[in-house]
Each structure stands twice: as C-alpha cells, then as structure tokens.
C-alpha cells in the first residue's frame, strides 16, 4: 500500500469522525459477520409461526377467533408454560424480534442488534452500529419495537 493511499485513508477517517467529509458518510461499515466466527447452529426458529396482526381491543366488538386460532403450536420437544407460551432463550427471542424488525423497509441489513432482558415481563433493546442507519430510521424502529414486544409476549416466554 502506498503512502498516498494510507494518507487518504487517514484523512477520510479523521474527517468522518469530525463530520467534514460527505464521501465518508456514503461508505457503509463492514458487516459484523466478517469479524464474528461462524458456527453451525440448528435453527430453533424454523417452526415459529408468524405473529398475527391484531386490532386494538378497544375497537373490537367481540372476542377475536383469529387470535385464538393463531396460537402457536410447538413441537413436543419445546417446553411450554401453563399458558401455552413457548419457552425460548434470550438469543432466540432476540432473533425473532430482529426478524420482525427486518420486515420494516427502513431497517438496515446490518449493524442492528437486539438485546432481550428481564424475567417474567421480558423486554428488548435495539442498538445500531455507527453509520448503519439514519437518525429518522432509527427513531422509527425504536418506536416500532415496543408494539412488537407486546405482540411477541403473547406467544413467547423467556427461558431462565
């Protein structure tokens, strides 16, 4: 690598930190998949049903049969709570949440991380890598997250 290329890279990095170079904003950061080791994992989420789009309970006239019929049916190998919810580890729930967020058109393909925490009333937190999305898109995804968590809590319980 020549000295000119090294200097240009340093100038681009410094100006992107200080916000002076518009060219650095267009560059996308490398994906985390390039740096993380890849291990073969069995897909525990293959049988997870889609979450039904329910109307607000205030707007409904009577009980909704579609919600009762849309209850997830888990294979016998997966434990269930007395309420019929699936018990999943935090990583699996985080993958579910991230999968549902990726269906939103403003969600970036990489640089988004979901952390699931809590116990009985689990919750989720979303974080973004620098330069992975715009402030407006991040705000939209943060606003969509609580509604998604409420829907998922109907079907999934955090395994401890």
C-alpha atoms as a PDB file:
ATOM      1  CA  UNK A   1       0.000   0.000   0.000  1.00  0.00           C
ATOM      2  CA  UNK A   2       1.467   3.363  -0.988  1.00  0.00           C
ATOM      3  CA  UNK A   3       1.900   6.290   1.374  1.00  0.00           C
ATOM      4  CA  UNK A   4      -0.652   8.324  -0.601  1.00  0.00           C
ATOM      5  CA  UNK A   5      -3.302   5.639  -0.095  1.00  0.00           C
ATOM      6  CA  UNK A   6      -2.532   5.451   3.630  1.00  0.00           C
ATOM      7  CA  UNK A   7      -2.727   9.236   3.930  1.00  0.00           C
ATOM      8  CA  UNK A   8      -6.019   9.348   2.047  1.00  0.00           C
ATOM      9  CA  UNK A   9      -7.445   6.664   4.339  1.00  0.00           C
ATOM     10  CA  UNK A  10      -6.347   8.541   7.465  1.00  0.00           C
ATOM     11  CA  UNK A  11      -7.775  11.803   6.165  1.00  0.00           C
ATOM     12  CA  UNK A  12     -11.076  10.098   5.350  1.00  0.00           C
ATOM     13  CA  UNK A  13     -11.249   8.510   8.808  1.00  0.00           C
ATOM     14  CA  UNK A  14     -10.476  11.759  10.623  1.00  0.00           C
ATOM     15  CA  UNK A  15     -12.892  13.794   8.542  1.00  0.00           C
ATOM     16  CA  UNK A  16     -15.661  11.215   9.003  1.00  0.00           C
ATOM     17  CA  UNK A  17     -15.198  11.438  12.759  1.00  0.00           C
ATOM     18  CA  UNK A  18     -15.306  15.214  12.634  1.00  0.00           C
ATOM     19  CA  UNK A  19     -18.140  15.203  10.087  1.00  0.00           C
ATOM     20  CA  UNK A  20     -16.351  17.188   7.431  1.00  0.00           C
ATOM     21  CA  UNK A  21     -16.271  14.748   4.533  1.00  0.00           C
ATOM     22  CA  UNK A  22     -19.522  13.866   2.745  1.00  0.00           C
ATOM     23  CA  UNK A  23     -17.803  10.994   0.907  1.00  0.00           C
ATOM     24  CA  UNK A  24     -17.191   9.154   4.191  1.00  0.00           C
ATOM     25  CA  UNK A  25     -20.918   9.236   5.009  1.00  0.00           C
ATOM     26  CA  UNK A  26     -21.744   7.298   1.855  1.00  0.00           C
ATOM     27  CA  UNK A  27     -19.367   4.471   2.812  1.00  0.00           C
ATOM     28  CA  UNK A  28     -21.007   1.651   4.701  1.00  0.00           C
ATOM     29  CA  UNK A  29     -19.241  -0.039   7.606  1.00  0.00           C
ATOM     30  CA  UNK A  30     -18.187  -3.659   7.194  1.00  0.00           C
ATOM     31  CA  UNK A  31     -20.740  -6.163   8.438  1.00  0.00           C
ATOM     32  CA  UNK A  32     -20.262  -7.844  11.773  1.00  0.00           C
ATOM     33  CA  UNK A  33     -20.463 -11.216  10.048  1.00  0.00           C
ATOM     34  CA  UNK A  34     -16.965 -10.650   8.641  1.00  0.00           C
ATOM     35  CA  UNK A  35     -15.466 -10.402  12.129  1.00  0.00           C
ATOM     36  CA  UNK A  36     -17.541 -12.923  14.073  1.00  0.00           C
ATOM     37  CA  UNK A  37     -16.790 -16.635  13.855  1.00  0.00           C
ATOM     38  CA  UNK A  38     -19.485 -18.619  12.155  1.00  0.00           C
ATOM     39  CA  UNK A  39     -20.587 -21.776  13.941  1.00  0.00           C
ATOM     40  CA  UNK A  40     -23.166 -24.175  12.564  1.00  0.00           C
ATOM     41  CA  UNK A  41     -26.346 -23.737  14.569  1.00  0.00           C
ATOM     42  CA  UNK A  42     -29.549 -25.698  14.369  1.00  0.00           C
ATOM     43  CA  UNK A  43     -32.374 -23.332  13.509  1.00  0.00           C
ATOM     44  CA  UNK A  44     -34.704 -23.357  16.569  1.00  0.00           C
ATOM     45  CA  UNK A  45     -36.866 -20.687  14.958  1.00  0.00           C
ATOM     46  CA  UNK A  46     -37.898 -22.674  11.892  1.00  0.00           C
ATOM     47  CA  UNK A  47     -41.255 -23.628  13.399  1.00  0.00           C
ATOM     48  CA  UNK A  48     -42.084 -20.187  14.798  1.00  0.00           C
ATOM     49  CA  UNK A  49     -45.388 -19.007  13.348  1.00  0.00           C
ATOM     50  CA  UNK A  50     -45.971 -15.526  12.067  1.00  0.00           C
ATOM     51  CA  UNK A  51     -47.394 -13.083  14.577  1.00  0.00           C
ATOM     52  CA  UNK A  52     -50.950 -12.166  13.612  1.00  0.00           C
ATOM     53  CA  UNK A  53     -51.837  -8.548  13.128  1.00  0.00           C
ATOM     54  CA  UNK A  54     -54.445  -7.929  15.812  1.00  0.00           C
ATOM     55  CA  UNK A  55     -56.673  -4.926  16.017  1.00  0.00           C
ATOM     56  CA  UNK A  56     -56.816  -2.812  19.109  1.00  0.00           C
ATOM     57  CA  UNK A  57     -59.015  -4.421  21.801  1.00  0.00           C
ATOM     58  CA  UNK A  58     -60.893  -1.131  22.168  1.00  0.00           C
ATOM     59  CA  UNK A  59     -62.025  -1.305  18.546  1.00  0.00           C
ATOM     60  CA  UNK A  60     -63.190  -4.905  18.592  1.00  0.00           C
ATOM     61  CA  UNK A  61     -66.853  -5.771  19.020  1.00  0.00           C
ATOM     62  CA  UNK A  62     -66.350  -9.237  20.459  1.00  0.00           C
ATOM     63  CA  UNK A  63     -63.674 -11.858  21.039  1.00  0.00           C
ATOM     64  CA  UNK A  64     -61.462 -12.386  18.059  1.00  0.00           C
ATOM     65  CA  UNK A  65     -61.438 -16.018  16.930  1.00  0.00           C
ATOM     66  CA  UNK A  66     -58.435 -15.438  14.699  1.00  0.00           C
ATOM     67  CA  UNK A  67     -56.228 -14.708  17.700  1.00  0.00           C
ATOM     68  CA  UNK A  68     -57.385 -17.862  19.444  1.00  0.00           C
ATOM     69  CA  UNK A  69     -56.789 -19.907  16.302  1.00  0.00           C
ATOM     70  CA  UNK A  70     -53.386 -18.313  15.689  1.00  0.00           C
ATOM     71  CA  UNK A  71     -51.903 -19.598  18.942  1.00  0.00           C
ATOM     72  CA  UNK A  72     -48.547 -21.154  18.108  1.00  0.00           C
ATOM     73  CA  UNK A  73     -48.340 -24.911  18.106  1.00  0.00           C
ATOM     74  CA  UNK A  74     -44.967 -26.037  19.378  1.00  0.00           C
ATOM     75  CA  UNK A  75     -43.404 -29.409  18.754  1.00  0.00           C
ATOM     76  CA  UNK A  76     -43.320 -31.706  21.806  1.00  0.00           C
ATOM     77  CA  UNK A  77     -39.565 -31.175  22.237  1.00  0.00           C
ATOM     78  CA  UNK A  78     -40.030 -27.499  23.139  1.00  0.00           C
ATOM     79  CA  UNK A  79     -41.288 -26.741  26.651  1.00  0.00           C
ATOM     80  CA  UNK A  80     -44.480 -24.772  27.137  1.00  0.00           C
ATOM     81  CA  UNK A  81     -45.707 -22.660  30.017  1.00  0.00           C
ATOM     82  CA  UNK A  82     -49.092 -23.384  31.647  1.00  0.00           C
ATOM     83  CA  UNK A  83     -50.464 -20.546  29.493  1.00  0.00           C
ATOM     84  CA  UNK A  84     -49.369 -22.349  26.318  1.00  0.00           C
ATOM     85  CA  UNK A  85     -46.494 -19.972  25.543  1.00  0.00           C
ATOM     86  CA  UNK A  86     -43.225 -21.287  24.167  1.00  0.00           C
ATOM     87  CA  UNK A  87     -40.172 -21.080  26.406  1.00  0.00           C
ATOM     88  CA  UNK A  88     -37.234 -19.713  24.420  1.00  0.00           C
ATOM     89  CA  UNK A  89     -33.779 -18.457  25.421  1.00  0.00           C
ATOM     90  CA  UNK A  90     -32.992 -14.754  25.145  1.00  0.00           C
ATOM     91  CA  UNK A  91     -30.952 -15.236  21.954  1.00  0.00           C
ATOM     92  CA  UNK A  92     -33.837 -16.941  20.179  1.00  0.00           C
ATOM     93  CA  UNK A  93     -36.277 -14.219  21.207  1.00  0.00           C
ATOM     94  CA  UNK A  94     -33.785 -11.568  20.045  1.00  0.00           C
ATOM     95  CA  UNK A  95     -33.611 -13.309  16.662  1.00  0.00           C
ATOM     96  CA  UNK A  96     -37.419 -13.308  16.466  1.00  0.00           C
ATOM     97  CA  UNK A  97     -37.582  -9.589  17.260  1.00  0.00           C
ATOM     98  CA  UNK A  98     -34.826  -8.778  14.772  1.00  0.00           C
ATOM     99  CA  UNK A  99     -36.541 -10.873  12.093  1.00  0.00           C
ATOM    100  CA  UNK A 100     -39.781  -8.973  12.574  1.00  0.00           C
ATOM    101  CA  UNK A 101     -37.955  -5.615  12.545  1.00  0.00           C
ATOM    102  CA  UNK A 102     -36.233  -6.541   9.275  1.00  0.00           C
ATOM    103  CA  UNK A 103     -39.655  -6.687   7.640  1.00  0.00           C
ATOM    104  CA  UNK A 104     -39.858  -2.910   8.060  1.00  0.00           C
ATOM    105  CA  UNK A 105     -38.496  -1.298   4.915  1.00  0.00           C
ATOM    106  CA  UNK A 106     -36.296   1.241   6.734  1.00  0.00           C
ATOM    107  CA  UNK A 107     -34.433  -1.426   8.727  1.00  0.00           C
ATOM    108  CA  UNK A 108     -30.760  -1.696   7.713  1.00  0.00           C
ATOM    109  CA  UNK A 109     -29.431  -5.069   6.597  1.00  0.00           C
ATOM    110  CA  UNK A 110     -26.524  -4.983   9.051  1.00  0.00           C
ATOM    111  CA  UNK A 111     -25.425  -3.034  12.087  1.00  0.00           C
ATOM    112  CA  UNK A 112     -28.598  -3.655  14.125  1.00  0.00           C
ATOM    113  CA  UNK A 113     -28.513  -5.546  17.404  1.00  0.00           C
ATOM    114  CA  UNK A 114     -31.379  -6.597  19.669  1.00  0.00           C
ATOM    115  CA  UNK A 115     -30.853  -7.476  23.331  1.00  0.00           C
ATOM    116  CA  UNK A 116     -33.547  -9.268  25.330  1.00  0.00           C
ATOM    117  CA  UNK A 117     -33.531  -8.768  29.082  1.00  0.00           C
ATOM    118  CA  UNK A 118     -35.756  -9.223  32.091  1.00  0.00           C
ATOM    119  CA  UNK A 119     -37.578 -12.215  33.518  1.00  0.00           C
ATOM    120  CA  UNK A 120     -41.336 -12.565  33.736  1.00  0.00           C
ATOM    121  CA  UNK A 121     -42.048  -9.396  31.760  1.00  0.00           C
ATOM    122  CA  UNK A 122     -39.100  -9.528  29.388  1.00  0.00           C
ATOM    123  CA  UNK A 123     -38.231  -6.567  27.223  1.00  0.00           C
ATOM    124  CA  UNK A 124     -35.985  -5.819  24.262  1.00  0.00           C
ATOM    125  CA  UNK A 125     -33.499  -3.080  23.459  1.00  0.00           C
ATOM    126  CA  UNK A 126     -32.304  -2.150  19.976  1.00  0.00           C
ATOM    127  CA  UNK A 127     -28.880  -0.664  19.230  1.00  0.00           C
ATOM    128  CA  UNK A 128     -27.317   0.496  15.985  1.00  0.00           C
ATOM    129  CA  UNK A 129     -23.727   0.445  14.783  1.00  0.00           C
ATOM    130  CA  UNK A 130     -22.302   3.817  13.772  1.00  0.00           C
ATOM    131  CA  UNK A 131     -23.300   4.857  10.234  1.00  0.00           C
ATOM    132  CA  UNK A 132     -25.639   1.850   9.858  1.00  0.00           C
ATOM    133  CA  UNK A 133     -28.802   3.951   9.510  1.00  0.00           C
ATOM    134  CA  UNK A 134     -30.109   7.484   9.663  1.00  0.00           C
ATOM    135  CA  UNK A 135     -31.497   9.083  12.805  1.00  0.00           C
ATOM    136  CA  UNK A 136     -35.027   9.095  11.376  1.00  0.00           C
ATOM    137  CA  UNK A 137     -34.938   5.389  10.503  1.00  0.00           C
ATOM    138  CA  UNK A 138     -33.526   4.529  13.922  1.00  0.00           C
ATOM    139  CA  UNK A 139     -36.314   6.521  15.568  1.00  0.00           C
ATOM    140  CA  UNK A 140     -38.949   4.639  13.506  1.00  0.00           C
ATOM    141  CA  UNK A 141     -37.504   1.283  14.515  1.00  0.00           C
ATOM    142  CA  UNK A 142     -37.302   2.302  18.179  1.00  0.00           C
ATOM    143  CA  UNK A 143     -40.968   3.326  18.060  1.00  0.00           C
ATOM    144  CA  UNK A 144     -41.988   0.022  16.450  1.00  0.00           C
ATOM    145  CA  UNK A 145     -40.099  -2.110  18.973  1.00  0.00           C
ATOM    146  CA  UNK A 146     -42.480  -1.794  21.991  1.00  0.00           C
ATOM    147  CA  UNK A 147     -45.509  -2.824  19.915  1.00  0.00           C
ATOM    148  CA  UNK A 148     -43.612  -5.796  18.541  1.00  0.00           C
ATOM    149  CA  UNK A 149     -42.512  -6.875  22.036  1.00  0.00           C
ATOM    150  CA  UNK A 150     -46.098  -6.706  23.320  1.00  0.00           C
ATOM    151  CA  UNK A 151     -47.239  -8.945  20.451  1.00  0.00           C
ATOM    152  CA  UNK A 152     -44.426 -11.439  20.987  1.00  0.00           C
ATOM    153  CA  UNK A 153     -45.081 -11.644  24.746  1.00  0.00           C
ATOM    154  CA  UNK A 154     -48.433 -13.247  23.917  1.00  0.00           C
ATOM    155  CA  UNK A 155     -46.696 -16.238  22.349  1.00  0.00           C
ATOM    156  CA  UNK A 156     -43.206 -16.444  23.860  1.00  0.00           C
ATOM    157  CA  UNK A 157     -41.867 -16.562  27.414  1.00  0.00           C
ATOM    158  CA  UNK A 158     -38.208 -16.052  28.355  1.00  0.00           C
ATOM    159  CA  UNK A 159     -36.459 -19.219  29.456  1.00  0.00           C
ATOM    160  CA  UNK A 160     -34.258 -18.869  32.521  1.00  0.00           C
END
